[in-house]
């Protein structure tokens, strides 16, 4: 990997013979030296874990492994009931964990099936070491609530609850006659950061009633802060357009080549993608291309 010798020695010293003890009130246990794992809550630990697990990768037309630090998801596209590649990838991952001394907690493992057929078939359960993996309708991945209908209902409900709780603290500031600037800073750091998290992924696919709920919440916050705030819809469009422009300027991005192929030979506009369903039409890339052509007019 080309890591310098002194840096390897420093990391080795950091990971080995770490003294640890348990304290409860005035009582403290004897110290024990630990040479396994990595300390939690440090910046270096996720990096080391990513390096440790980097040799297990899979990216085919139907299946791939999505990893972010210790959050790993196996994504499979099953066509005509052909599940062999998906299930083999799961078993290969389980074997890899065993051979690399990583404990896979099957009780925290979930499977979510996205299927829009009616009636929906009932696939065979996934088994890991004799334990049946629970099939769920919603799951939280990297801070975003996903559901098996891909309509972002669960995520919208979670954002509304989080926004309401933030509103409580914002209202508590009002009796202290604090000026607008600190309140706006609190909104940006606590409320907006929660409401707009990953808005590029789900902002264009929201149902109208869910978008209206979140926009109403933003207006309430604006009335408390005493200023007009950008709606969730306009903020989502702004971030989506910025993300598209950053992908266009980044040749190493996985979507760069896909967007480059949509360049018009007659102008700087991007050709619209053919979408067979409204769900696909409202997803990130088709929506971002429409914004690029409409707001920017194809010019940069």
Protein backbone atom coordinates (compact mmCIF):
# COMPACT_ATOMS: atom_id res chain seq x y z
CA UNK A 1 0.00 0.00 0.00
CA UNK A 2 3.01 2.28 0.13
CA UNK A 3 2.59 3.24 3.80
CA UNK A 4 5.79 4.55 5.34
CA UNK A 5 7.55 2.36 7.89
CA UNK A 6 7.41 4.87 10.75
CA UNK A 7 3.66 5.34 10.21
CA UNK A 8 3.11 1.56 10.35
CA UNK A 9 5.09 1.42 13.59
CA UNK A 10 3.04 4.28 15.05
CA UNK A 11 -0.26 2.56 14.19
CA UNK A 12 1.00 -0.76 15.59
CA UNK A 13 1.92 0.93 18.87
CA UNK A 14 -1.49 2.63 18.87
CA UNK A 15 -3.33 -0.70 18.56
CA UNK A 16 -1.31 -2.94 20.89
CA UNK A 17 -0.98 -3.09 24.67
CA UNK A 18 -3.66 -0.49 25.34
CA UNK A 19 -4.37 -0.32 29.11
CA UNK A 20 -8.06 -0.42 29.95
CA UNK A 21 -10.05 -0.54 33.16
CA UNK A 22 -13.66 -0.23 34.33
CA UNK A 23 -14.73 2.37 36.88
CA UNK A 24 -18.03 2.32 38.74
CA UNK A 25 -18.40 5.10 41.24
CA UNK A 26 -15.35 4.99 43.52
CA UNK A 27 -14.45 1.44 42.51
CA UNK A 28 -11.97 0.71 39.74
CA UNK A 29 -10.94 -2.62 38.30
CA UNK A 30 -7.39 -3.73 37.68
CA UNK A 31 -5.97 -2.51 34.33
CA UNK A 32 -5.86 -5.02 31.49
CA UNK A 33 -3.76 -4.65 28.34
CA UNK A 34 -5.77 -5.02 25.13
CA UNK A 35 -4.27 -5.79 21.72
CA UNK A 36 -7.47 -6.54 19.79
CA UNK A 37 -9.82 -4.24 17.95
CA UNK A 38 -9.53 -0.45 17.81
CA UNK A 39 -10.65 2.24 20.27
CA UNK A 40 -14.16 3.49 19.59
CA UNK A 41 -14.87 7.14 18.93
CA UNK A 42 -11.55 7.92 17.24
CA UNK A 43 -11.01 9.22 13.71
CA UNK A 44 -8.47 6.55 12.87
CA UNK A 45 -10.63 3.53 13.77
CA UNK A 46 -13.08 3.77 10.80
CA UNK A 47 -10.13 4.22 8.44
CA UNK A 48 -8.37 1.14 9.78
CA UNK A 49 -11.59 -0.89 9.63
CA UNK A 50 -12.14 0.17 6.02
CA UNK A 51 -8.61 -0.91 5.12
CA UNK A 52 -9.07 -4.20 6.96
CA UNK A 53 -12.25 -5.04 5.04
CA UNK A 54 -11.22 -3.61 1.67
CA UNK A 55 -10.30 -6.99 0.16
CA UNK A 56 -13.93 -8.19 0.14
CA UNK A 57 -15.57 -6.52 -2.82
CA UNK A 58 -18.26 -7.46 -5.30
CA UNK A 59 -19.70 -5.37 -8.09
CA UNK A 60 -21.52 -7.21 -10.86
CA UNK A 61 -24.49 -6.34 -13.03
CA UNK A 62 -26.93 -7.88 -10.54
CA UNK A 63 -25.23 -7.68 -7.13
CA UNK A 64 -22.80 -5.46 -5.28
CA UNK A 65 -21.55 -4.83 -1.77
CA UNK A 66 -22.08 -1.31 -0.39
CA UNK A 67 -19.76 -0.47 2.49
CA UNK A 68 -19.38 2.61 4.65
CA UNK A 69 -17.07 1.96 7.60
CA UNK A 70 -18.79 -0.86 9.53
CA UNK A 71 -22.18 -0.48 7.79
CA UNK A 72 -22.33 -3.08 5.04
CA UNK A 73 -25.26 -3.70 2.71
CA UNK A 74 -25.56 -6.39 0.05
CA UNK A 75 -27.74 -5.16 -2.81
CA UNK A 76 -29.11 -7.63 -5.34
CA UNK A 77 -31.34 -7.32 -8.38
CA UNK A 78 -33.32 -10.55 -8.81
CA UNK A 79 -34.82 -11.21 -12.23
CA UNK A 80 -37.14 -14.07 -13.14
CA UNK A 81 -36.66 -15.59 -9.70
CA UNK A 82 -32.92 -16.16 -10.21
CA UNK A 83 -31.56 -15.65 -6.70
CA UNK A 84 -28.43 -17.80 -6.93
CA UNK A 85 -25.92 -14.95 -7.28
CA UNK A 86 -27.51 -12.93 -4.48
CA UNK A 87 -27.58 -15.82 -2.01
CA UNK A 88 -24.07 -16.95 -2.95
CA UNK A 89 -22.75 -13.45 -2.29
CA UNK A 90 -24.32 -13.52 1.18
CA UNK A 91 -22.73 -16.87 1.98
CA UNK A 92 -19.35 -15.70 0.63
CA UNK A 93 -19.58 -12.67 2.90
CA UNK A 94 -20.38 -14.84 5.92
CA UNK A 95 -17.40 -17.11 5.15
CA UNK A 96 -15.13 -14.10 4.72
CA UNK A 97 -16.19 -12.71 8.12
CA UNK A 98 -15.44 -16.06 9.76
CA UNK A 99 -12.02 -16.37 8.17
CA UNK A 100 -11.10 -12.79 9.10
CA UNK A 101 -12.24 -13.02 12.75
CA UNK A 102 -15.19 -10.66 12.37
CA UNK A 103 -18.32 -11.50 14.32
CA UNK A 104 -21.45 -11.07 12.21
CA UNK A 105 -24.43 -10.23 14.42
CA UNK A 106 -27.33 -11.97 12.69
CA UNK A 107 -29.84 -10.56 15.19
CA UNK A 108 -29.11 -7.07 13.83
CA UNK A 109 -29.13 -8.17 10.20
CA UNK A 110 -32.22 -7.21 8.20
CA UNK A 111 -33.48 -7.89 4.69
CA UNK A 112 -35.74 -5.52 2.78
CA UNK A 113 -37.39 -6.65 -0.44
CA UNK A 114 -38.42 -3.99 -2.94
CA UNK A 115 -40.98 -5.48 -5.30
CA UNK A 116 -43.75 -3.55 -7.06
CA UNK A 117 -45.55 -6.55 -8.52
CA UNK A 118 -49.11 -7.38 -7.48
CA UNK A 119 -49.52 -9.70 -5.77
CA UNK A 120 -46.07 -9.69 -4.26
CA UNK A 121 -44.47 -13.14 -4.07
CA UNK A 122 -42.97 -14.39 -0.81
CA UNK A 123 -39.28 -15.21 -1.36
CA UNK A 124 -37.48 -17.88 0.57
CA UNK A 125 -35.93 -16.48 3.78
CA UNK A 126 -32.22 -15.83 3.96
CA UNK A 127 -30.50 -18.07 6.48
CA UNK A 128 -27.19 -17.20 8.17
CA UNK A 129 -25.67 -19.92 10.34
CA UNK A 130 -29.09 -21.41 10.95
CA UNK A 131 -30.66 -18.08 11.90
CA UNK A 132 -33.43 -16.65 9.77
CA UNK A 133 -32.85 -13.06 8.69
CA UNK A 134 -35.82 -10.86 9.52
CA UNK A 135 -37.63 -9.30 6.56
CA UNK A 136 -38.63 -5.68 7.28
CA UNK A 137 -40.67 -3.05 5.47
CA UNK A 138 -38.46 -0.16 6.59
CA UNK A 139 -34.85 0.11 7.66
CA UNK A 140 -32.43 2.87 8.55
CA UNK A 141 -29.21 3.00 6.57
CA UNK A 142 -26.64 5.75 7.05
CA UNK A 143 -29.18 7.98 8.75
CA UNK A 144 -31.89 7.67 6.08
CA UNK A 145 -35.11 5.71 6.52
CA UNK A 146 -35.68 3.43 3.53
CA UNK A 147 -38.94 1.63 2.83
CA UNK A 148 -39.86 -1.20 0.47
CA UNK A 149 -42.17 1.07 -1.57
CA UNK A 150 -39.48 3.70 -2.16
CA UNK A 151 -42.00 6.47 -1.48
CA UNK A 152 -39.96 7.91 1.44
CA UNK A 153 -42.96 7.92 3.78
CA UNK A 154 -40.96 6.55 6.72
CA UNK A 155 -38.16 9.05 6.13
CA UNK A 156 -40.62 11.97 5.95
CA UNK A 157 -42.28 10.92 9.21
CA UNK A 158 -38.90 10.64 10.92
CA UNK A 159 -37.85 14.08 9.67
CA UNK A 160 -41.09 15.66 10.90
CA UNK A 161 -40.59 14.18 14.37
CA UNK A 162 -36.98 15.35 14.44
CA UNK A 163 -37.93 18.81 13.22
CA UNK A 164 -40.65 19.16 15.85
CA UNK A 165 -38.21 18.25 18.61
CA UNK A 166 -35.76 20.86 17.32
CA UNK A 167 -38.57 23.41 17.24
CA UNK A 168 -39.03 22.94 21.00
CA UNK A 169 -35.50 24.14 21.74
CA UNK A 170 -35.81 26.96 19.23
CA UNK A 171 -38.96 28.23 20.97
CA UNK A 172 -37.20 28.07 24.33
CA UNK A 173 -34.74 30.67 23.05
CA UNK A 174 -37.49 33.21 22.27
CA UNK A 175 -38.19 34.38 25.89
CA UNK A 176 -34.53 35.34 26.29
CA UNK A 177 -34.86 38.02 23.60
CA UNK A 178 -31.94 36.60 21.66
CA UNK A 179 -31.25 38.42 18.40
CA UNK A 180 -31.95 36.78 15.05
CA UNK A 181 -28.36 35.88 14.22
CA UNK A 182 -27.87 33.22 16.97
CA UNK A 183 -31.34 31.81 16.22
CA UNK A 184 -30.47 31.49 12.55
CA UNK A 185 -27.20 29.81 13.46
CA UNK A 186 -29.13 27.36 15.66
CA UNK A 187 -31.55 26.69 12.79
CA UNK A 188 -28.77 25.98 10.30
CA UNK A 189 -26.78 23.78 12.69
CA UNK A 190 -29.60 21.85 14.36
CA UNK A 191 -32.79 22.07 12.29
CA UNK A 192 -31.69 22.50 8.67
CA UNK A 193 -28.89 19.96 9.02
CA UNK A 194 -31.46 17.37 10.13
CA UNK A 195 -34.24 18.24 7.69
CA UNK A 196 -31.97 18.53 4.64
CA UNK A 197 -29.79 15.51 5.36
CA UNK A 198 -29.36 13.50 2.13
CA UNK A 199 -32.09 15.61 0.49
CA UNK A 200 -30.48 14.95 -2.90
CA UNK A 201 -31.49 11.29 -2.57
CA UNK A 202 -35.13 11.74 -1.60
CA UNK A 203 -36.10 15.36 -2.26
CA UNK A 204 -37.37 14.87 -5.82
CA UNK A 205 -39.26 11.64 -5.00
CA UNK A 206 -41.39 12.98 -2.14
CA UNK A 207 -45.13 12.79 -2.41
CA UNK A 208 -46.83 16.18 -2.47
CA UNK A 209 -48.41 15.71 0.96
CA UNK A 210 -45.06 14.83 2.53
CA UNK A 211 -43.32 17.78 0.87
CA UNK A 212 -46.13 20.06 2.10
CA UNK A 213 -45.67 18.81 5.69
CA UNK A 214 -41.95 19.52 5.65
CA UNK A 215 -42.39 22.90 3.96
CA UNK A 216 -44.98 23.82 6.60
CA UNK A 217 -42.48 22.91 9.30
CA UNK A 218 -39.84 25.14 7.68
CA UNK A 219 -42.35 28.04 7.57
CA UNK A 220 -43.06 27.55 11.29
CA UNK A 221 -39.35 27.71 12.02
CA UNK A 222 -39.13 30.87 9.93
CA UNK A 223 -41.88 32.51 11.98
CA UNK A 224 -40.02 31.69 15.20
CA UNK A 225 -36.68 32.89 13.85
CA UNK A 226 -38.32 35.96 12.35
CA UNK A 227 -37.11 35.53 8.78
CA UNK A 228 -38.23 33.83 5.58
CA UNK A 229 -36.41 30.56 4.99
CA UNK A 230 -35.96 28.65 1.78
CA UNK A 231 -38.52 25.90 1.37
CA UNK A 232 -37.43 22.28 1.41
CA UNK A 233 -38.37 21.98 -2.27
CA UNK A 234 -36.18 24.88 -3.39
CA UNK A 235 -33.29 23.75 -1.18
CA UNK A 236 -33.55 20.23 -2.60
CA UNK A 237 -33.42 21.57 -6.15
CA UNK A 238 -30.41 23.75 -5.34
CA UNK A 239 -28.47 20.87 -3.79
CA UNK A 240 -29.47 18.49 -6.60
CA UNK A 241 -28.21 20.89 -9.26
CA UNK A 242 -24.97 21.48 -7.35
CA UNK A 243 -24.44 17.75 -7.03
CA UNK A 244 -24.97 17.25 -10.76
CA UNK A 245 -22.44 19.99 -11.57
CA UNK A 246 -19.89 18.44 -9.20
CA UNK A 247 -20.34 15.05 -10.91
CA UNK A 248 -19.84 16.64 -14.33
CA UNK A 249 -16.56 18.17 -13.10
CA UNK A 250 -15.35 14.92 -11.52
CA UNK A 251 -14.26 12.30 -14.12
CA UNK A 252 -13.68 9.70 -11.39
CA UNK A 253 -17.31 9.77 -10.20
CA UNK A 254 -19.27 6.59 -11.14
CA UNK A 255 -22.03 8.66 -12.78
CA UNK A 256 -19.70 10.92 -14.76
CA UNK A 257 -19.64 8.72 -17.87
CA UNK A 258 -23.42 8.24 -17.77
CA UNK A 259 -23.98 12.00 -17.73
CA UNK A 260 -21.35 12.60 -20.41
CA UNK A 261 -23.23 10.28 -22.75
CA UNK A 262 -26.28 12.54 -22.38
CA UNK A 263 -24.48 15.56 -23.82
CA UNK A 264 -26.32 17.01 -26.80
CA UNK A 265 -24.29 17.29 -30.00
CA UNK A 266 -26.12 20.50 -30.91
CA UNK A 267 -25.90 22.44 -27.63
CA UNK A 268 -24.63 22.30 -24.05
CA UNK A 269 -27.89 20.78 -22.88
CA UNK A 270 -28.23 17.27 -21.52
CA UNK A 271 -30.52 14.83 -23.27
CA UNK A 272 -33.40 13.65 -21.12
CA UNK A 273 -33.39 10.05 -19.97
CA UNK A 274 -36.12 7.71 -21.11
CA UNK A 275 -38.21 6.80 -18.04
CA UNK A 276 -40.87 4.09 -18.15
CA UNK A 277 -42.30 4.90 -14.72
CA UNK A 278 -43.04 8.06 -12.78
CA UNK A 279 -40.93 6.70 -9.92
CA UNK A 280 -37.86 6.56 -12.17
CA UNK A 281 -38.66 9.97 -13.65
CA UNK A 282 -38.58 11.55 -10.18
CA UNK A 283 -35.30 9.88 -9.17
CA UNK A 284 -32.04 11.80 -8.90
CA UNK A 285 -30.49 11.65 -12.37
CA UNK A 286 -33.57 12.34 -14.55
CA UNK A 287 -34.68 15.08 -12.16
CA UNK A 288 -31.21 16.65 -12.04
CA UNK A 289 -30.99 16.71 -15.84
CA UNK A 290 -34.34 18.49 -16.06
CA UNK A 291 -33.13 21.07 -13.55
CA UNK A 292 -29.91 21.54 -15.48
CA UNK A 293 -31.79 22.19 -18.72
CA UNK A 294 -34.51 24.35 -17.15
CA UNK A 295 -32.67 26.45 -14.57
CA UNK A 296 -29.31 26.73 -16.24
CA UNK A 297 -30.61 26.45 -19.79
CA UNK A 298 -27.81 24.03 -20.55
CA UNK A 299 -25.21 26.77 -20.09
CA UNK A 300 -22.42 26.68 -17.52
